[in-house]
Amino acid sequence: MRAHAALGNNLTNRMYILLIALLALGSCRLIDDDLSVCGVDCRIDYQMQLQTNMRMTVDDKLHEDSDKPLADSLANWLAPIFSAHAHDVELSFYSADDGLDELKHHSREIVNGRSTTFTFYLPRENYNHLAVVNSLDNDQLVLLGQDHSATYEIASRQVDTLHSQPAAIYTAREAINAAGEEDSYVFTVNLYMASSAVALALYDNVSAMPHIEAYLNGTASGFAVGDSVFTFAHSLPVRCEQVTERCFAAVSLPSRGIESAAAGAPNRTGETAESYWQLDVFVTLPDGTITETKLDIDYPLAADALEIIKCSVQPDGSLVPIENAHVGATVQLDWQSGGDHEIDL
């Protein structure tokens, strides 16, 4: 089942690729040949710019003076993931007019910077162009079905538990109408973030912070690049990384959106109809017992968004949400292994 997830406005993270195609007609053997079959040399100059507003978002959500150490640590952890540098870009061009949707050209370019320029050549035809940034070293995701734009998908690895994405994924789709062009032309392709970020900020009500593990649930298992649609065929838990003793965070694909929830998308066991995504938190107490708190969030986790959930840790290991009426909590004391997650004891 596919479900749309809205592109969030929280971070204002967008990557812009400026494609400047300089068309020079190829030579033909006969002067009256149909120039559409001669092909052209297209010089494509890619100029990449990534604008990140992560620091402002963290400061807005962690605005108290007492939050500054936590805000600094979280911003530092997020910085390389949502940096202003693209490591790599996958460029795919598909036939647009023959109904075959065939891959006509594919190029993988290593960027390692804010901008770069490289050149390749295409026949003078119309194309559907798809681009994916930062997939090469992202071991939590794989690219599938690249032979056709209709089957091109960014998919989660088939494992029991995913880890946080090491870099944010950006994608774009654009129609490139090169058929019939005899002069140079300029067009812009916008790359939008397909990743989301979640942080759990803990405020202890105990003498010593116990051992804690957190997992993000309810996020997409894939993204159909050609349709810009997130898919949820096999949603997997994402293990959060420990940023500080009191902060855990993960980067993943977004959750279901408002449209999919209204359509009755299947819910995880124990998930309420109004819950879009969840955090499962396991607290190991000094006596060895484990308390599980399921935090259900009743608004979508959007692409291009950072959500920070604040909770206080109680003496019995349970979590109580702070400053957010949209977060519900279900507590199980003396939790026993064998459920959705096998945690490290």
Protein backbone atom coordinates (compact mmCIF):
# COMPACT_ATOMS: atom_id res chain seq x y z
CA MET A 1 0.00 0.00 0.00
CA ARG A 2 1.25 3.41 -0.88
CA ALA A 3 0.60 6.51 1.10
CA HIS A 4 1.50 10.12 0.62
CA ALA A 5 3.60 11.93 3.20
CA ALA A 6 3.62 15.71 3.03
CA LEU A 7 6.85 17.57 2.55
CA GLY A 8 7.33 19.47 5.80
CA ASN A 9 8.27 23.08 6.13
CA ASN A 10 10.06 22.79 9.49
CA LEU A 11 13.62 22.82 8.24
CA THR A 12 13.34 24.62 4.91
CA ASN A 13 15.94 22.16 3.58
CA ARG A 14 16.02 22.07 -0.20
CA MET A 15 18.73 21.28 -2.64
CA TYR A 16 18.66 23.07 -5.95
CA ILE A 17 20.23 21.63 -9.04
CA LEU A 18 20.61 24.05 -11.90
CA LEU A 19 20.85 22.23 -15.20
CA ILE A 20 22.21 24.36 -18.02
CA ALA A 21 21.87 22.41 -21.24
CA LEU A 22 23.87 23.81 -24.14
CA LEU A 23 22.60 22.10 -27.30
CA ALA A 24 24.79 21.75 -30.37
CA LEU A 25 23.32 19.96 -33.39
CA GLY A 26 25.16 16.80 -34.43
CA SER A 27 26.22 16.49 -38.02
CA CYS A 28 24.10 14.44 -40.50
CA ARG A 29 25.15 12.76 -43.69
CA LEU A 30 22.40 14.39 -45.75
CA ILE A 31 21.58 18.07 -45.60
CA ASP A 32 17.84 17.37 -45.68
CA ASP A 33 17.96 14.67 -42.98
CA ASP A 34 15.39 14.93 -40.20
CA LEU A 35 17.42 16.61 -37.45
CA SER A 36 15.40 14.85 -34.75
CA VAL A 37 17.21 11.59 -35.54
CA CYS A 38 20.66 13.18 -35.65
CA GLY A 39 20.87 13.75 -31.89
CA VAL A 40 22.52 16.63 -30.08
CA ASP A 41 25.29 17.03 -27.57
CA CYS A 42 23.83 18.28 -24.30
CA ARG A 43 26.26 19.84 -21.87
CA ILE A 44 24.70 19.57 -18.43
CA ASP A 45 26.24 21.84 -15.79
CA TYR A 46 25.04 20.92 -12.31
CA GLN A 47 25.22 23.63 -9.68
CA MET A 48 24.15 22.30 -6.28
CA GLN A 49 23.10 24.41 -3.32
CA LEU A 50 21.77 23.09 -0.03
CA GLN A 51 20.16 25.46 2.44
CA THR A 52 19.84 24.15 5.99
CA ASN A 53 17.94 25.74 8.84
CA MET A 54 18.60 22.97 11.39
CA ARG A 55 20.28 25.19 13.99
CA MET A 56 17.29 27.53 14.11
CA THR A 57 14.89 24.58 14.42
CA VAL A 58 16.78 23.03 17.33
CA ASP A 59 16.98 26.38 19.12
CA ASP A 60 13.26 26.97 18.57
CA LYS A 61 12.29 23.62 20.10
CA LEU A 62 14.92 23.67 22.89
CA HIS A 63 14.70 27.35 23.81
CA GLU A 64 15.22 27.37 27.58
CA ASP A 65 18.62 28.38 28.94
CA SER A 66 18.84 25.02 30.68
CA ASP A 67 18.37 23.33 27.30
CA LYS A 68 21.42 24.92 25.70
CA PRO A 69 23.88 22.04 26.36
CA LEU A 70 21.33 19.58 24.96
CA ALA A 71 20.58 21.84 21.99
CA ASP A 72 24.29 22.17 21.19
CA SER A 73 24.85 18.40 21.39
CA LEU A 74 21.84 17.64 19.19
CA ALA A 75 22.80 20.28 16.63
CA ASN A 76 26.33 18.86 16.47
CA TRP A 77 24.98 15.33 15.97
CA LEU A 78 22.64 16.47 13.20
CA ALA A 79 25.18 18.71 11.44
CA PRO A 80 27.01 16.07 9.34
CA ILE A 81 23.74 14.31 8.49
CA PHE A 82 21.97 17.45 7.27
CA SER A 83 25.12 19.17 6.06
CA ALA A 84 25.32 21.60 3.17
CA HIS A 85 27.41 19.11 1.17
CA ALA A 86 26.23 16.39 -1.17
CA HIS A 87 28.41 13.29 -1.28
CA ASP A 88 27.00 11.63 -4.41
CA VAL A 89 24.17 11.95 -6.91
CA GLU A 90 22.46 9.32 -9.06
CA LEU A 91 21.18 10.75 -12.36
CA SER A 92 18.72 8.75 -14.46
CA PHE A 93 17.05 9.74 -17.73
CA TYR A 94 14.08 7.76 -19.09
CA SER A 95 12.34 7.83 -22.47
CA ALA A 96 9.20 9.96 -22.23
CA ASP A 97 7.48 9.72 -25.62
CA ASP A 98 7.56 6.07 -26.70
CA GLY A 99 5.58 4.61 -23.81
CA LEU A 100 8.43 2.24 -22.93
CA ASP A 101 9.81 4.24 -19.99
CA GLU A 102 13.29 2.87 -20.71
CA LEU A 103 16.47 4.00 -19.00
CA LYS A 104 18.39 5.95 -21.65
CA HIS A 105 21.24 7.29 -19.53
CA HIS A 106 22.50 6.75 -16.00
CA SER A 107 25.37 8.48 -14.27
CA ARG A 108 26.67 8.35 -10.72
CA GLU A 109 28.71 11.39 -9.78
CA ILE A 110 30.78 11.94 -6.65
CA VAL A 111 30.26 15.53 -5.52
CA ASN A 112 31.76 15.91 -2.02
CA GLY A 113 30.91 19.58 -1.87
CA ARG A 114 28.32 22.29 -2.19
CA SER A 115 28.64 22.53 -5.95
CA THR A 116 30.26 20.81 -8.91
CA THR A 117 30.21 20.69 -12.70
CA PHE A 118 30.36 17.67 -14.97
CA THR A 119 29.38 16.92 -18.56
CA PHE A 120 27.60 14.09 -20.38
CA TYR A 121 25.79 13.81 -23.71
CA LEU A 122 22.21 12.87 -24.63
CA PRO A 123 20.26 12.50 -27.90
CA ARG A 124 17.80 15.31 -28.59
CA GLU A 125 14.70 13.66 -27.12
CA ASN A 126 12.22 14.16 -24.28
CA TYR A 127 13.08 12.56 -20.94
CA ASN A 128 11.75 11.93 -17.48
CA HIS A 129 14.67 12.75 -15.21
CA LEU A 130 15.07 11.34 -11.68
CA ALA A 131 17.85 12.24 -9.25
CA VAL A 132 18.79 10.79 -5.86
CA VAL A 133 21.41 12.38 -3.60
CA ASN A 134 23.41 10.68 -0.80
CA SER A 135 22.47 7.06 -1.47
CA LEU A 136 25.91 5.58 -2.17
CA ASP A 137 27.14 5.13 1.42
CA ASN A 138 23.69 4.94 3.03
CA ASP A 139 23.77 1.34 4.27
CA GLN A 140 20.20 1.52 5.57
CA LEU A 141 18.67 1.98 2.10
CA VAL A 142 18.99 0.39 -1.33
CA LEU A 143 18.00 1.58 -4.81
CA LEU A 144 15.72 -0.82 -6.72
CA GLY A 145 14.05 -0.96 -10.14
CA GLN A 146 16.22 1.65 -11.84
CA ASP A 147 15.53 0.28 -15.34
CA HIS A 148 12.21 2.14 -15.43
CA SER A 149 11.09 5.32 -13.72
CA ALA A 150 7.80 3.68 -12.71
CA THR A 151 9.64 1.01 -10.69
CA TYR A 152 12.49 3.15 -9.31
CA GLU A 153 12.36 2.95 -5.51
CA ILE A 154 14.45 3.83 -2.49
CA ALA A 155 13.82 0.88 -0.15
CA SER A 156 14.77 0.03 3.42
CA ARG A 157 17.07 -2.92 3.95
CA GLN A 158 15.39 -6.22 4.83
CA VAL A 159 16.54 -6.56 8.44
CA ASP A 160 14.83 -6.91 11.83
CA THR A 161 15.82 -3.42 12.99
CA LEU A 162 17.15 -0.48 11.01
CA HIS A 163 19.77 1.98 12.22
CA SER A 164 19.64 5.73 11.80
CA GLN A 165 20.40 6.95 8.27
CA PRO A 166 23.98 8.31 8.07
CA ALA A 167 22.95 11.09 5.66
CA ALA A 168 19.71 12.72 4.58
CA ILE A 169 18.32 11.55 1.23
CA TYR A 170 17.19 14.07 -1.40
CA THR A 171 15.24 13.31 -4.57
CA ALA A 172 13.90 15.06 -7.65
CA ARG A 173 11.83 14.32 -10.73
CA GLU A 174 11.69 16.59 -13.74
CA ALA A 175 10.51 16.50 -17.34
CA ILE A 176 13.32 17.41 -19.73
CA ASN A 177 11.93 18.40 -23.11
CA ALA A 178 14.99 18.35 -25.37
CA ALA A 179 13.25 17.24 -28.58
CA GLY A 180 13.06 20.01 -31.14
CA GLU A 181 15.44 22.29 -29.25
CA GLU A 182 18.01 23.96 -31.42
CA ASP A 183 19.21 26.66 -29.07
CA SER A 184 20.60 26.46 -25.57
CA TYR A 185 18.10 26.50 -22.72
CA VAL A 186 18.15 26.67 -18.94
CA PHE A 187 15.89 24.93 -16.43
CA THR A 188 16.01 24.21 -12.70
CA VAL A 189 15.37 20.97 -10.82
CA ASN A 190 14.49 21.17 -7.11
CA LEU A 191 15.64 18.32 -4.88
CA TYR A 192 13.51 17.79 -1.79
CA MET A 193 14.51 15.95 1.36
CA ALA A 194 12.99 12.48 1.71
CA SER A 195 14.34 11.98 5.25
CA SER A 196 13.04 13.00 8.67
CA ALA A 197 14.68 13.40 12.08
CA VAL A 198 13.34 12.57 15.55
CA ALA A 199 14.93 13.33 18.92
CA LEU A 200 13.88 12.17 22.38
CA ALA A 201 14.96 14.63 25.09
CA LEU A 202 14.83 13.27 28.64
CA TYR A 203 14.56 15.21 31.88
CA ASP A 204 15.32 12.91 34.77
CA ASN A 205 13.31 12.72 37.95
CA VAL A 206 15.70 10.10 39.37
CA SER A 207 19.03 10.23 41.19
CA ALA A 208 20.94 8.56 38.35
CA MET A 209 19.92 8.13 34.71
CA PRO A 210 19.31 4.41 34.05
CA HIS A 211 20.20 2.44 30.92
CA ILE A 212 17.83 3.47 28.11
CA GLU A 213 17.14 2.28 24.57
CA ALA A 214 14.70 3.90 22.14
CA TYR A 215 13.17 2.79 18.84
CA LEU A 216 11.25 4.77 16.23
CA ASN A 217 8.22 3.01 14.71
CA GLY A 218 5.65 3.74 12.02
CA THR A 219 7.93 5.16 9.33
CA ALA A 220 7.89 4.39 5.61
CA SER A 221 9.68 1.36 4.21
CA GLY A 222 10.34 2.95 0.83
CA PHE A 223 9.95 5.88 -1.54
CA ALA A 224 8.81 5.60 -5.17
CA VAL A 225 11.06 8.19 -6.80
CA GLY A 226 9.08 8.57 -10.04
CA ASP A 227 5.78 9.12 -8.23
CA SER A 228 7.14 10.94 -5.14
CA VAL A 229 5.11 8.53 -2.97
CA PHE A 230 6.19 6.86 0.28
CA THR A 231 5.38 3.17 0.70
CA PHE A 232 4.63 1.16 3.87
CA ALA A 233 4.76 -2.49 2.80
CA HIS A 234 7.10 -3.59 5.60
CA SER A 235 7.68 -0.77 8.07
CA LEU A 236 10.59 -1.59 10.39
CA PRO A 237 11.69 -0.19 13.76
CA VAL A 238 14.64 2.21 13.69
CA ARG A 239 17.10 2.09 16.57
CA CYS A 240 17.80 5.57 17.93
CA GLU A 241 21.39 6.62 18.56
CA GLN A 242 22.45 7.98 21.92
CA VAL A 243 23.44 11.61 21.44
CA THR A 244 23.99 12.32 25.13
CA GLU A 245 22.99 10.60 28.37
CA ARG A 246 19.64 12.37 28.08
CA CYS A 247 19.07 12.50 24.32
CA PHE A 248 18.40 9.86 21.66
CA ALA A 249 17.85 10.56 17.97
CA ALA A 250 17.21 8.87 14.62
CA VAL A 251 17.04 9.84 10.96
CA SER A 252 14.56 7.84 8.88
CA LEU A 253 11.90 8.04 6.20
CA PRO A 254 8.69 9.88 7.21
CA SER A 255 5.54 8.44 8.75
CA ARG A 256 2.12 8.09 7.20
CA GLY A 257 0.39 11.35 6.33
CA ILE A 258 -3.07 12.65 7.06
CA GLU A 259 -4.54 11.24 3.83
CA SER A 260 -3.31 7.69 4.45
CA ALA A 261 -4.48 7.65 8.06
CA ALA A 262 -7.98 8.74 7.00
CA ALA A 263 -7.99 5.92 4.44
CA GLY A 264 -7.50 3.41 7.25
CA ALA A 265 -3.88 2.38 6.79
CA PRO A 266 -3.07 -0.71 8.91
CA ASN A 267 -2.03 0.02 12.47
CA ARG A 268 0.68 -1.64 14.51
CA THR A 269 -0.57 -3.76 17.42
CA GLY A 270 -1.48 -1.43 20.26
CA GLU A 271 -1.42 1.67 18.05
CA THR A 272 -4.43 3.95 18.27
CA ALA A 273 -6.23 5.10 15.13
CA GLU A 274 -4.98 8.64 15.71
CA SER A 275 -1.31 7.65 16.09
CA TYR A 276 0.93 8.33 13.10
CA TRP A 277 4.29 7.26 14.55
CA GLN A 278 5.67 5.98 17.82
CA LEU A 279 8.70 5.88 20.07
CA ASP A 280 9.22 2.70 22.09
CA VAL A 281 11.50 3.40 25.06
CA PHE A 282 12.99 0.71 27.32
CA VAL A 283 14.43 1.72 30.70
CA THR A 284 16.50 -0.81 32.66
CA LEU A 285 16.31 -0.16 36.39
CA PRO A 286 19.07 -0.93 38.94
CA ASP A 287 17.31 -4.17 39.97
CA GLY A 288 17.44 -5.42 36.38
CA THR A 289 13.75 -5.00 35.58
CA ILE A 290 12.75 -3.18 32.41
CA THR A 291 10.00 -0.60 31.98
CA GLU A 292 8.61 -0.02 28.50
CA THR A 293 6.89 3.23 27.54
CA LYS A 294 5.15 3.51 24.17
CA LEU A 295 4.85 7.12 23.06
CA ASP A 296 2.13 7.59 20.42
CA ILE A 297 2.27 10.83 18.43
CA ASP A 298 -0.97 11.98 16.82
CA TYR A 299 0.50 14.14 14.03
CA PRO A 300 2.55 13.03 11.01
CA LEU A 301 6.33 12.92 10.93
CA ALA A 302 6.87 14.79 7.68
CA ALA A 303 9.76 14.65 5.27
CA ASP A 304 12.13 17.58 5.76
CA ALA A 305 11.15 17.83 9.44
CA LEU A 306 12.76 17.55 12.86
CA GLU A 307 10.52 16.55 15.78
CA ILE A 308 11.76 16.73 19.39
CA ILE A 309 9.75 14.82 22.01
CA LYS A 310 10.39 15.83 25.63
CA CYS A 311 9.73 13.45 28.53
CA SER A 312 10.60 13.13 32.20
CA VAL A 313 11.94 9.84 33.55
CA GLN A 314 10.10 8.62 36.67
CA PRO A 315 11.59 6.44 39.45
CA ASP A 316 9.74 3.38 38.11
CA GLY A 317 11.34 3.89 34.67
CA SER A 318 8.21 5.22 32.97
CA LEU A 319 8.25 8.34 30.79
CA VAL A 320 5.84 11.25 31.12
CA PRO A 321 5.51 13.58 28.09
CA ILE A 322 6.32 17.25 28.68
CA GLU A 323 4.84 20.30 26.92
CA ASN A 324 3.05 18.27 24.23
CA ALA A 325 -0.61 17.30 24.41
CA HIS A 326 -0.24 15.38 21.13
CA VAL A 327 1.91 12.65 22.72
CA GLY A 328 0.25 9.79 24.56
CA ALA A 329 2.07 7.28 26.78
CA THR A 330 1.36 3.61 27.55
CA VAL A 331 3.53 2.03 30.25
CA GLN A 332 4.36 -1.62 30.89
CA LEU A 333 6.27 -2.32 34.11
CA ASP A 334 8.53 -5.36 34.32
CA TRP A 335 8.60 -5.72 30.54
CA GLN A 336 9.76 -9.14 29.28
CA SER A 337 11.75 -9.76 26.10
CA GLY A 338 9.99 -11.33 23.13
CA GLY A 339 7.96 -8.44 21.74
CA ASP A 340 8.75 -6.19 18.80
CA HIS A 341 12.35 -5.50 19.81
CA GLU A 342 15.24 -7.51 21.19
CA ILE A 343 17.03 -4.90 23.26
CA ASP A 344 20.58 -5.00 24.55
CA LEU A 345 20.48 -5.88 28.23
